[in-house]
Amino acid sequence: MTLSVDLWVDPACPWAWLTSRWLLEAASVRDLGVNFHVMSLAILNQDKELAPEYRDWIERAYRPVRVLIAAELAHGQESLAALYGAMGQRRHVEGNKDFDAVIVSALSEVGLDAELAQAAETTAYDEALRTSHFAGMDLVGDDVGTPVLKIGDVAIFGPVVTPAPKGEQAGRLFDGVVSVASTPGFYELKRTRNEDPNFG
């Protein structure tokens, strides 16, 4: 029986990208159905005191998530997953930090209408974006960011991993995540990150 797994991501976050690639790899060796959802670092940080340069970056980070939500509303969950994949490849693997260029080329790659890029310019999709964001964040509380992973009735932040495990190693990590997440009273495993994201 296929296990349904939900993942909330923001395309601006390299750690969420790595988690998403691991989860898709795990789905190739375990019977999983992966459902992508959008969360927003901009919404997450909207009421926090931030350095001006980070605040400016956060405001720009609204652009790709608005386009992802617009694509999902127009074309469904599979289109969201494909567009997120195309955005992440450009931003994280290829190193293109221009959100607008990433949006335009990703839409073209996955065969979606170029007019969806206009969603970046408007707040018209923000209510749907907030609904999606809080559908994930309300499961885990305010102390975490992206990614949020939901397996069955349990949701957690993470796992945060670099590089993304491949093959059976990805499957074993998934098994371990299921084991700890399904343990009553389990809340946290963590250590300081001493590596940058590795997309290799």
N, C-alpha and C. Protein backbone atom coordinates (compact mmCIF):
# COMPACT_ATOMS: atom_id res chain seq x y z
N MET A 1 0.84 -1.19 0.00
CA MET A 1 0.00 0.00 0.00
C MET A 1 0.89 1.25 0.00
N THR A 2 0.64 2.14 -0.93
CA THR A 2 1.44 3.35 -1.06
C THR A 2 1.22 4.27 0.13
N LEU A 3 2.32 4.71 0.72
CA LEU A 3 2.28 5.65 1.84
C LEU A 3 2.31 7.07 1.30
N SER A 4 1.34 7.88 1.68
CA SER A 4 1.28 9.26 1.24
C SER A 4 2.12 10.14 2.16
N VAL A 5 3.01 10.94 1.55
CA VAL A 5 3.92 11.80 2.28
C VAL A 5 3.75 13.22 1.74
N ASP A 6 3.68 14.19 2.64
CA ASP A 6 3.51 15.59 2.25
C ASP A 6 4.75 16.38 2.64
N LEU A 7 5.19 17.26 1.73
CA LEU A 7 6.38 18.06 1.98
C LEU A 7 6.08 19.51 1.65
N TRP A 8 6.35 20.41 2.62
CA TRP A 8 6.18 21.85 2.42
C TRP A 8 7.55 22.48 2.18
N VAL A 9 7.66 23.24 1.08
CA VAL A 9 8.95 23.79 0.68
C VAL A 9 8.80 25.23 0.21
N ASP A 10 9.90 25.96 0.30
CA ASP A 10 10.03 27.27 -0.33
C ASP A 10 11.19 27.15 -1.31
N PRO A 11 11.00 27.52 -2.58
CA PRO A 11 12.08 27.34 -3.57
C PRO A 11 13.31 28.19 -3.29
N ALA A 12 13.22 29.13 -2.38
CA ALA A 12 14.39 29.93 -2.02
C ALA A 12 15.34 29.18 -1.09
N CYS A 13 14.88 28.11 -0.46
CA CYS A 13 15.66 27.43 0.58
C CYS A 13 16.44 26.25 0.02
N PRO A 14 17.78 26.28 0.08
CA PRO A 14 18.57 25.17 -0.45
C PRO A 14 18.41 23.89 0.36
N TRP A 15 18.17 24.01 1.65
CA TRP A 15 18.01 22.81 2.48
C TRP A 15 16.71 22.09 2.15
N ALA A 16 15.65 22.84 1.89
CA ALA A 16 14.40 22.22 1.47
C ALA A 16 14.58 21.51 0.13
N TRP A 17 15.35 22.11 -0.76
CA TRP A 17 15.62 21.48 -2.06
C TRP A 17 16.29 20.13 -1.87
N LEU A 18 17.31 20.07 -1.01
CA LEU A 18 18.00 18.81 -0.77
C LEU A 18 17.07 17.77 -0.16
N THR A 19 16.23 18.20 0.77
CA THR A 19 15.26 17.27 1.37
C THR A 19 14.30 16.74 0.31
N SER A 20 13.86 17.61 -0.58
CA SER A 20 12.93 17.18 -1.63
C SER A 20 13.57 16.17 -2.56
N ARG A 21 14.85 16.35 -2.88
CA ARG A 21 15.53 15.40 -3.77
C ARG A 21 15.72 14.07 -3.07
N TRP A 22 16.04 14.12 -1.76
CA TRP A 22 16.14 12.88 -0.99
C TRP A 22 14.81 12.15 -0.97
N LEU A 23 13.71 12.88 -0.74
CA LEU A 23 12.41 12.23 -0.61
C LEU A 23 11.98 11.59 -1.93
N LEU A 24 12.24 12.27 -3.04
CA LEU A 24 11.92 11.66 -4.33
C LEU A 24 12.78 10.43 -4.59
N GLU A 25 14.02 10.48 -4.16
CA GLU A 25 14.89 9.31 -4.29
C GLU A 25 14.38 8.17 -3.41
N ALA A 26 13.96 8.50 -2.19
CA ALA A 26 13.39 7.48 -1.30
C ALA A 26 12.15 6.84 -1.94
N ALA A 27 11.37 7.65 -2.64
CA ALA A 27 10.17 7.13 -3.29
C ALA A 27 10.50 6.16 -4.42
N SER A 28 11.73 6.18 -4.91
CA SER A 28 12.13 5.24 -5.96
C SER A 28 12.49 3.87 -5.38
N VAL A 29 12.70 3.80 -4.05
CA VAL A 29 13.05 2.52 -3.42
C VAL A 29 12.07 2.13 -2.32
N ARG A 30 11.09 2.96 -2.05
CA ARG A 30 10.03 2.66 -1.11
C ARG A 30 8.70 3.02 -1.79
N ASP A 31 7.61 2.44 -1.31
CA ASP A 31 6.30 2.67 -1.93
C ASP A 31 5.69 3.94 -1.34
N LEU A 32 6.12 5.08 -1.90
CA LEU A 32 5.69 6.38 -1.39
C LEU A 32 4.99 7.18 -2.48
N GLY A 33 4.04 7.99 -2.08
CA GLY A 33 3.47 9.01 -2.94
C GLY A 33 3.79 10.36 -2.33
N VAL A 34 4.55 11.18 -3.04
CA VAL A 34 5.03 12.45 -2.50
C VAL A 34 4.16 13.59 -3.01
N ASN A 35 3.62 14.36 -2.09
CA ASN A 35 2.78 15.52 -2.40
C ASN A 35 3.49 16.79 -1.97
N PHE A 36 3.76 17.67 -2.93
CA PHE A 36 4.44 18.91 -2.63
C PHE A 36 3.44 20.02 -2.28
N HIS A 37 3.84 20.86 -1.34
CA HIS A 37 3.05 22.02 -0.94
C HIS A 37 4.00 23.19 -0.76
N VAL A 38 3.45 24.39 -0.81
CA VAL A 38 4.26 25.59 -0.70
C VAL A 38 4.16 26.17 0.71
N MET A 39 5.32 26.47 1.28
CA MET A 39 5.36 27.34 2.46
C MET A 39 6.21 28.54 2.06
N SER A 40 6.23 29.56 2.90
CA SER A 40 6.89 30.80 2.52
C SER A 40 7.77 31.32 3.64
N LEU A 41 9.07 31.45 3.35
CA LEU A 41 9.98 32.07 4.31
C LEU A 41 9.59 33.52 4.57
N ALA A 42 9.02 34.17 3.57
CA ALA A 42 8.58 35.55 3.75
C ALA A 42 7.47 35.65 4.78
N ILE A 43 6.49 34.76 4.70
CA ILE A 43 5.42 34.74 5.69
C ILE A 43 5.96 34.33 7.05
N LEU A 44 6.83 33.35 7.08
CA LEU A 44 7.40 32.86 8.33
C LEU A 44 8.12 33.97 9.09
N ASN A 45 8.78 34.86 8.35
CA ASN A 45 9.59 35.91 8.97
C ASN A 45 8.94 37.29 8.99
N GLN A 46 7.67 37.37 8.62
CA GLN A 46 7.05 38.68 8.42
C GLN A 46 7.02 39.54 9.68
N ASP A 47 6.92 38.94 10.86
CA ASP A 47 6.82 39.73 12.09
C ASP A 47 8.12 39.73 12.90
N LYS A 48 9.21 39.26 12.30
CA LYS A 48 10.48 39.18 13.01
C LYS A 48 11.36 40.37 12.70
N GLU A 49 12.22 40.71 13.64
CA GLU A 49 13.21 41.75 13.40
C GLU A 49 14.33 41.16 12.56
N LEU A 50 14.56 41.75 11.39
CA LEU A 50 15.55 41.22 10.46
C LEU A 50 16.48 42.34 10.02
N ALA A 51 17.70 41.96 9.65
CA ALA A 51 18.62 42.92 9.06
C ALA A 51 18.00 43.43 7.75
N PRO A 52 18.23 44.71 7.40
CA PRO A 52 17.60 45.28 6.20
C PRO A 52 17.87 44.48 4.93
N GLU A 53 19.10 43.99 4.77
CA GLU A 53 19.40 43.24 3.54
C GLU A 53 18.66 41.91 3.50
N TYR A 54 18.45 41.27 4.66
CA TYR A 54 17.69 40.03 4.69
C TYR A 54 16.21 40.31 4.48
N ARG A 55 15.72 41.39 5.04
CA ARG A 55 14.33 41.79 4.82
C ARG A 55 14.07 42.00 3.34
N ASP A 56 15.00 42.65 2.65
CA ASP A 56 14.85 42.87 1.21
C ASP A 56 14.84 41.55 0.46
N TRP A 57 15.70 40.63 0.85
CA TRP A 57 15.73 39.31 0.21
C TRP A 57 14.43 38.55 0.45
N ILE A 58 13.92 38.63 1.67
CA ILE A 58 12.67 37.95 2.02
C ILE A 58 11.52 38.48 1.17
N GLU A 59 11.48 39.79 0.97
CA GLU A 59 10.41 40.36 0.14
C GLU A 59 10.50 39.84 -1.29
N ARG A 60 11.69 39.70 -1.83
CA ARG A 60 11.85 39.14 -3.18
C ARG A 60 11.46 37.67 -3.23
N ALA A 61 11.62 36.99 -2.09
CA ALA A 61 11.30 35.56 -2.04
C ALA A 61 9.81 35.28 -2.15
N TYR A 62 8.97 36.31 -2.03
CA TYR A 62 7.55 36.13 -2.30
C TYR A 62 7.30 35.75 -3.76
N ARG A 63 8.17 36.19 -4.66
CA ARG A 63 7.90 36.08 -6.10
C ARG A 63 7.74 34.62 -6.55
N PRO A 64 8.70 33.73 -6.29
CA PRO A 64 8.52 32.36 -6.78
C PRO A 64 7.40 31.59 -6.09
N VAL A 65 7.17 31.84 -4.79
CA VAL A 65 6.09 31.09 -4.14
C VAL A 65 4.72 31.52 -4.65
N ARG A 66 4.57 32.78 -4.99
CA ARG A 66 3.31 33.22 -5.58
C ARG A 66 3.07 32.53 -6.92
N VAL A 67 4.11 32.36 -7.70
CA VAL A 67 3.98 31.69 -9.00
C VAL A 67 3.66 30.21 -8.79
N LEU A 68 4.29 29.59 -7.82
CA LEU A 68 3.99 28.18 -7.54
C LEU A 68 2.53 27.99 -7.14
N ILE A 69 2.02 28.86 -6.28
CA ILE A 69 0.62 28.75 -5.88
C ILE A 69 -0.30 28.98 -7.07
N ALA A 70 0.01 29.96 -7.90
CA ALA A 70 -0.80 30.22 -9.09
C ALA A 70 -0.81 29.01 -10.00
N ALA A 71 0.33 28.36 -10.17
CA ALA A 71 0.40 27.17 -11.02
C ALA A 71 -0.41 26.03 -10.43
N GLU A 72 -0.33 25.86 -9.12
CA GLU A 72 -1.11 24.79 -8.48
C GLU A 72 -2.61 25.04 -8.64
N LEU A 73 -3.04 26.27 -8.43
CA LEU A 73 -4.46 26.58 -8.55
C LEU A 73 -4.96 26.38 -9.97
N ALA A 74 -4.11 26.70 -10.95
CA ALA A 74 -4.53 26.59 -12.35
C ALA A 74 -4.41 25.18 -12.90
N HIS A 75 -3.40 24.44 -12.45
CA HIS A 75 -3.07 23.18 -13.12
C HIS A 75 -2.89 21.99 -12.20
N GLY A 76 -3.00 22.17 -10.89
CA GLY A 76 -2.96 21.05 -9.98
C GLY A 76 -1.61 20.78 -9.35
N GLN A 77 -1.63 19.81 -8.45
CA GLN A 77 -0.48 19.49 -7.61
C GLN A 77 0.73 19.00 -8.42
N GLU A 78 0.49 18.23 -9.47
CA GLU A 78 1.61 17.72 -10.27
C GLU A 78 2.38 18.85 -10.94
N SER A 79 1.66 19.88 -11.37
CA SER A 79 2.32 21.03 -11.98
C SER A 79 3.16 21.78 -10.96
N LEU A 80 2.66 21.89 -9.74
CA LEU A 80 3.43 22.53 -8.68
C LEU A 80 4.74 21.77 -8.47
N ALA A 81 4.67 20.45 -8.37
CA ALA A 81 5.87 19.64 -8.14
C ALA A 81 6.87 19.80 -9.27
N ALA A 82 6.39 19.78 -10.50
CA ALA A 82 7.29 19.92 -11.65
C ALA A 82 7.93 21.30 -11.70
N LEU A 83 7.14 22.32 -11.42
CA LEU A 83 7.66 23.69 -11.46
C LEU A 83 8.66 23.92 -10.33
N TYR A 84 8.36 23.39 -9.15
CA TYR A 84 9.31 23.49 -8.05
C TYR A 84 10.62 22.82 -8.42
N GLY A 85 10.55 21.67 -9.04
CA GLY A 85 11.76 20.97 -9.46
C GLY A 85 12.58 21.79 -10.45
N ALA A 86 11.90 22.40 -11.41
CA ALA A 86 12.60 23.20 -12.41
C ALA A 86 13.20 24.47 -11.79
N MET A 87 12.47 25.09 -10.87
CA MET A 87 13.00 26.26 -10.18
C MET A 87 14.24 25.90 -9.36
N GLY A 88 14.14 24.81 -8.62
CA GLY A 88 15.24 24.41 -7.75
C GLY A 88 16.49 24.05 -8.52
N GLN A 89 16.32 23.38 -9.65
CA GLN A 89 17.47 23.04 -10.49
C GLN A 89 18.21 24.31 -10.89
N ARG A 90 17.48 25.32 -11.28
CA ARG A 90 18.11 26.57 -11.73
C ARG A 90 18.73 27.33 -10.56
N ARG A 91 17.97 27.46 -9.50
CA ARG A 91 18.44 28.30 -8.39
C ARG A 91 19.58 27.63 -7.61
N HIS A 92 19.40 26.38 -7.27
CA HIS A 92 20.35 25.74 -6.37
C HIS A 92 21.47 25.00 -7.09
N VAL A 93 21.13 24.21 -8.08
CA VAL A 93 22.15 23.42 -8.77
C VAL A 93 22.95 24.30 -9.73
N GLU A 94 22.25 25.12 -10.51
CA GLU A 94 22.92 25.96 -11.50
C GLU A 94 23.36 27.31 -10.95
N GLY A 95 22.87 27.68 -9.77
CA GLY A 95 23.34 28.89 -9.09
C GLY A 95 22.75 30.19 -9.60
N ASN A 96 21.60 30.14 -10.26
CA ASN A 96 20.96 31.36 -10.75
C ASN A 96 20.15 31.98 -9.61
N LYS A 97 20.58 33.13 -9.10
CA LYS A 97 19.92 33.76 -7.97
C LYS A 97 18.89 34.81 -8.37
N ASP A 98 18.67 34.99 -9.67
CA ASP A 98 17.69 35.95 -10.18
C ASP A 98 16.32 35.27 -10.19
N PHE A 99 15.49 35.57 -9.18
CA PHE A 99 14.20 34.90 -9.08
C PHE A 99 13.39 35.00 -10.36
N ASP A 100 13.37 36.17 -10.98
CA ASP A 100 12.52 36.36 -12.16
C ASP A 100 13.00 35.52 -13.34
N ALA A 101 14.30 35.45 -13.54
CA ALA A 101 14.85 34.62 -14.62
C ALA A 101 14.56 33.15 -14.35
N VAL A 102 14.69 32.75 -13.10
CA VAL A 102 14.38 31.36 -12.72
C VAL A 102 12.92 31.04 -13.02
N ILE A 103 12.03 31.94 -12.65
CA ILE A 103 10.59 31.72 -12.86
C ILE A 103 10.28 31.54 -14.35
N VAL A 104 10.76 32.45 -15.17
CA VAL A 104 10.44 32.42 -16.60
C VAL A 104 10.96 31.15 -17.26
N SER A 105 12.21 30.81 -17.00
CA SER A 105 12.77 29.63 -17.67
C SER A 105 12.17 28.33 -17.12
N ALA A 106 11.84 28.30 -15.83
CA ALA A 106 11.22 27.10 -15.26
C ALA A 106 9.82 26.88 -15.82
N LEU A 107 9.05 27.93 -15.96
CA LEU A 107 7.72 27.81 -16.57
C LEU A 107 7.83 27.25 -17.99
N SER A 108 8.80 27.75 -18.74
CA SER A 108 8.99 27.27 -20.10
C SER A 108 9.36 25.79 -20.13
N GLU A 109 10.25 25.39 -19.24
CA GLU A 109 10.71 23.99 -19.23
C GLU A 109 9.56 23.02 -19.00
N VAL A 110 8.67 23.36 -18.06
CA VAL A 110 7.61 22.41 -17.71
C VAL A 110 6.35 22.61 -18.55
N GLY A 111 6.40 23.53 -19.51
CA GLY A 111 5.29 23.70 -20.44
C GLY A 111 4.09 24.45 -19.88
N LEU A 112 4.33 25.30 -18.90
CA LEU A 112 3.24 26.10 -18.35
C LEU A 112 3.22 27.48 -19.00
N ASP A 113 2.04 28.10 -19.02
CA ASP A 113 1.84 29.40 -19.64
C ASP A 113 2.77 30.45 -19.03
N ALA A 114 3.50 31.15 -19.89
CA ALA A 114 4.42 32.19 -19.42
C ALA A 114 3.71 33.28 -18.63
N GLU A 115 2.40 33.46 -18.87
CA GLU A 115 1.66 34.49 -18.14
C GLU A 115 1.58 34.23 -16.64
N LEU A 116 1.83 32.97 -16.22
CA LEU A 116 1.84 32.68 -14.79
C LEU A 116 2.92 33.46 -14.06
N ALA A 117 3.95 33.89 -14.77
CA ALA A 117 5.01 34.69 -14.15
C ALA A 117 4.45 35.99 -13.57
N GLN A 118 3.34 36.46 -14.10
CA GLN A 118 2.75 37.71 -13.61
C GLN A 118 2.24 37.58 -12.18
N ALA A 119 2.04 36.34 -11.71
CA ALA A 119 1.60 36.13 -10.33
C ALA A 119 2.63 36.67 -9.33
N ALA A 120 3.88 36.76 -9.74
CA ALA A 120 4.93 37.28 -8.87
C ALA A 120 4.68 38.74 -8.50
N GLU A 121 3.95 39.44 -9.35
CA GLU A 121 3.78 40.89 -9.21
C GLU A 121 2.56 41.29 -8.38
N THR A 122 1.77 40.32 -7.94
CA THR A 122 0.49 40.65 -7.32
C THR A 122 0.31 39.94 -5.99
N THR A 123 -0.51 40.52 -5.14
CA THR A 123 -0.87 39.87 -3.88
C THR A 123 -2.13 39.02 -4.03
N ALA A 124 -2.61 38.86 -5.25
CA ALA A 124 -3.87 38.15 -5.48
C ALA A 124 -3.84 36.70 -4.99
N TYR A 125 -2.64 36.11 -4.96
CA TYR A 125 -2.52 34.70 -4.57
C TYR A 125 -2.08 34.55 -3.11
N ASP A 126 -1.95 35.65 -2.40
CA ASP A 126 -1.38 35.57 -1.05
C ASP A 126 -2.28 34.86 -0.06
N GLU A 127 -3.59 34.96 -0.23
CA GLU A 127 -4.48 34.23 0.68
C GLU A 127 -4.30 32.73 0.52
N ALA A 128 -4.23 32.26 -0.73
CA ALA A 128 -4.00 30.84 -0.98
C ALA A 128 -2.61 30.43 -0.51
N LEU A 129 -1.63 31.32 -0.68
CA LEU A 129 -0.27 31.04 -0.22
C LEU A 129 -0.25 30.88 1.30
N ARG A 130 -0.92 31.77 2.00
CA ARG A 130 -0.95 31.69 3.45
C ARG A 130 -1.68 30.42 3.92
N THR A 131 -2.73 30.05 3.23
CA THR A 131 -3.45 28.82 3.57
C THR A 131 -2.53 27.61 3.45
N SER A 132 -1.79 27.55 2.35
CA SER A 132 -0.86 26.44 2.15
C SER A 132 0.25 26.47 3.19
N HIS A 133 0.79 27.66 3.43
CA HIS A 133 1.87 27.82 4.40
C HIS A 133 1.46 27.32 5.77
N PHE A 134 0.32 27.79 6.25
CA PHE A 134 -0.10 27.44 7.60
C PHE A 134 -0.64 26.01 7.71
N ALA A 135 -1.04 25.43 6.60
CA ALA A 135 -1.42 24.01 6.63
C ALA A 135 -0.24 23.15 7.05
N GLY A 136 0.96 23.57 6.67
CA GLY A 136 2.16 22.86 7.10
C GLY A 136 2.67 23.34 8.43
N MET A 137 2.79 24.65 8.61
CA MET A 137 3.40 25.19 9.82
C MET A 137 2.57 24.94 11.06
N ASP A 138 1.27 24.92 10.92
CA ASP A 138 0.42 24.66 12.09
C ASP A 138 0.62 23.24 12.62
N LEU A 139 1.15 22.36 11.81
CA LEU A 139 1.40 20.99 12.24
C LEU A 139 2.64 20.87 13.13
N VAL A 140 3.57 21.82 12.98
CA VAL A 140 4.86 21.68 13.66
C VAL A 140 5.19 22.82 14.61
N GLY A 141 4.44 23.90 14.59
CA GLY A 141 4.68 25.01 15.49
C GLY A 141 5.59 26.07 14.89
N ASP A 142 5.92 27.06 15.71
CA ASP A 142 6.61 28.26 15.23
C ASP A 142 8.13 28.18 15.32
N ASP A 143 8.69 27.10 15.83
CA ASP A 143 10.12 27.05 16.08
C ASP A 143 10.94 26.52 14.91
N VAL A 144 10.30 26.26 13.79
CA VAL A 144 11.00 25.64 12.66
C VAL A 144 10.73 26.43 11.38
N GLY A 145 11.36 26.01 10.32
CA GLY A 145 11.16 26.62 9.02
C GLY A 145 10.85 25.56 7.98
N THR A 146 11.49 25.66 6.84
CA THR A 146 11.28 24.70 5.77
C THR A 146 12.50 23.79 5.67
N PRO A 147 12.33 22.52 5.41
CA PRO A 147 11.10 21.83 5.00
C PRO A 147 10.30 21.28 6.17
N VAL A 148 9.00 21.11 5.93
CA VAL A 148 8.12 20.40 6.85
C VAL A 148 7.67 19.13 6.15
N LEU A 149 7.81 18.02 6.85
CA LEU A 149 7.49 16.70 6.30
C LEU A 149 6.37 16.09 7.13
N LYS A 150 5.33 15.62 6.46
CA LYS A 150 4.20 14.96 7.14
C LYS A 150 4.09 13.53 6.63
N ILE A 151 4.16 12.60 7.56
CA ILE A 151 4.03 11.18 7.25
C ILE A 151 2.88 10.64 8.09
N GLY A 152 1.80 10.25 7.44
CA GLY A 152 0.63 9.82 8.20
C GLY A 152 0.10 10.98 9.02
N ASP A 153 -0.02 10.76 10.33
CA ASP A 153 -0.56 11.79 11.21
C ASP A 153 0.53 12.61 11.90
N VAL A 154 1.78 12.37 11.56
CA VAL A 154 2.90 13.01 12.24
C VAL A 154 3.62 13.96 11.29
N ALA A 155 3.94 15.15 11.77
CA ALA A 155 4.70 16.11 10.97
C ALA A 155 5.94 16.54 11.75
N ILE A 156 7.04 16.77 11.02
CA ILE A 156 8.30 17.19 11.62
C ILE A 156 8.97 18.21 10.71
N PHE A 157 9.92 18.94 11.27
CA PHE A 157 10.83 19.74 10.47
C PHE A 157 11.98 18.85 10.03
N GLY A 158 12.33 18.98 8.73
CA GLY A 158 13.47 18.21 8.24
C GLY A 158 13.04 16.95 7.52
N PRO A 159 13.97 16.02 7.33
CA PRO A 159 15.36 16.08 7.77
C PRO A 159 16.20 17.05 6.92
N VAL A 160 17.19 17.64 7.57
CA VAL A 160 18.14 18.51 6.89
C VAL A 160 19.39 17.69 6.62
N VAL A 161 19.74 17.54 5.34
CA VAL A 161 20.82 16.63 4.98
C VAL A 161 21.55 17.15 3.74
N THR A 162 22.84 16.92 3.70
CA THR A 162 23.62 17.26 2.51
C THR A 162 24.80 16.31 2.38
N PRO A 163 25.05 15.78 1.18
CA PRO A 163 24.18 15.86 0.02
C PRO A 163 22.96 14.96 0.20
N ALA A 164 22.01 15.02 -0.73
CA ALA A 164 20.82 14.17 -0.65
C ALA A 164 21.21 12.72 -0.87
N PRO A 165 20.88 11.82 0.06
CA PRO A 165 21.23 10.41 -0.12
C PRO A 165 20.58 9.82 -1.37
N LYS A 166 21.23 8.81 -1.91
CA LYS A 166 20.75 8.15 -3.13
C LYS A 166 20.41 6.69 -2.84
N GLY A 167 19.54 6.13 -3.69
CA GLY A 167 19.25 4.71 -3.66
C GLY A 167 18.79 4.20 -2.31
N GLU A 168 19.30 3.03 -1.93
CA GLU A 168 18.87 2.40 -0.69
C GLU A 168 19.24 3.23 0.53
N GLN A 169 20.30 4.02 0.44
CA GLN A 169 20.64 4.91 1.55
C GLN A 169 19.50 5.91 1.80
N ALA A 170 18.90 6.40 0.72
CA ALA A 170 17.74 7.30 0.86
C ALA A 170 16.58 6.57 1.50
N GLY A 171 16.37 5.32 1.11
CA GLY A 171 15.30 4.53 1.70
C GLY A 171 15.52 4.27 3.18
N ARG A 172 16.76 3.97 3.56
CA ARG A 172 17.05 3.73 4.97
C ARG A 172 16.84 4.98 5.81
N LEU A 173 17.23 6.14 5.27
CA LEU A 173 16.97 7.38 6.00
C LEU A 173 15.48 7.58 6.18
N PHE A 174 14.71 7.31 5.14
CA PHE A 174 13.26 7.44 5.26
C PHE A 174 12.72 6.51 6.35
N ASP A 175 13.19 5.27 6.36
CA ASP A 175 12.75 4.32 7.39
C ASP A 175 13.04 4.87 8.78
N GLY A 176 14.23 5.46 8.94
CA GLY A 176 14.61 6.01 10.24
C GLY A 176 13.75 7.20 10.64
N VAL A 177 13.46 8.05 9.66
CA VAL A 177 12.60 9.21 9.93
C VAL A 177 11.21 8.75 10.36
N VAL A 178 10.68 7.75 9.68
CA VAL A 178 9.37 7.21 10.06
C VAL A 178 9.43 6.66 11.48
N SER A 179 10.51 5.96 11.80
CA SER A 179 10.63 5.35 13.12
C SER A 179 10.64 6.39 14.23
N VAL A 180 11.47 7.43 14.09
CA VAL A 180 11.54 8.42 15.17
C VAL A 180 10.28 9.29 15.20
N ALA A 181 9.76 9.64 14.02
CA ALA A 181 8.59 10.52 13.98
C ALA A 181 7.35 9.84 14.56
N SER A 182 7.29 8.52 14.48
CA SER A 182 6.11 7.80 14.98
C SER A 182 6.25 7.39 16.44
N THR A 183 7.37 7.76 17.07
CA THR A 183 7.57 7.44 18.48
C THR A 183 6.86 8.48 19.34
N PRO A 184 5.91 8.08 20.18
CA PRO A 184 5.20 9.04 21.02
C PRO A 184 6.18 9.86 21.86
N GLY A 185 5.99 11.17 21.87
CA GLY A 185 6.82 12.04 22.67
C GLY A 185 8.12 12.45 22.02
N PHE A 186 8.43 11.94 20.82
CA PHE A 186 9.67 12.34 20.16
C PHE A 186 9.51 13.75 19.58
N TYR A 187 10.55 14.59 19.81
CA TYR A 187 10.49 15.96 19.31
C TYR A 187 11.69 16.38 18.48
N GLU A 188 12.90 15.99 18.84
CA GLU A 188 14.01 16.65 18.19
C GLU A 188 15.28 15.80 18.18
N LEU A 189 15.96 15.84 17.04
CA LEU A 189 17.35 15.42 16.89
C LEU A 189 18.03 16.56 16.15
N LYS A 190 19.20 17.00 16.63
CA LYS A 190 19.83 18.11 15.93
C LYS A 190 21.30 18.19 16.28
N ARG A 191 22.10 18.66 15.31
CA ARG A 191 23.48 19.03 15.58
C ARG A 191 23.83 20.22 14.70
N THR A 192 24.88 20.93 15.05
CA THR A 192 25.28 22.11 14.30
C THR A 192 25.73 21.71 12.90
N ARG A 193 25.24 22.44 11.90
CA ARG A 193 25.66 22.18 10.52
C ARG A 193 27.05 22.77 10.31
N ASN A 194 27.96 21.96 9.79
CA ASN A 194 29.30 22.46 9.49
C ASN A 194 29.65 22.30 8.01
N GLU A 195 28.62 22.10 7.19
CA GLU A 195 28.80 22.00 5.75
C GLU A 195 27.79 22.90 5.05
N ASP A 196 28.17 23.46 3.92
CA ASP A 196 27.22 24.17 3.07
C ASP A 196 26.41 23.16 2.27
N PRO A 197 25.28 23.56 1.72
CA PRO A 197 24.52 22.64 0.88
C PRO A 197 25.35 22.11 -0.28
N ASN A 198 25.28 20.81 -0.49
CA ASN A 198 26.01 20.15 -1.56
C ASN A 198 24.99 19.55 -2.53
N PHE A 199 24.93 20.10 -3.74
CA PHE A 199 23.91 19.68 -4.71
C PHE A 199 24.43 18.63 -5.68
N GLY A 200 25.61 18.12 -5.43
CA GLY A 200 26.22 17.15 -6.35
C GLY A 200 25.52 15.81 -6.37
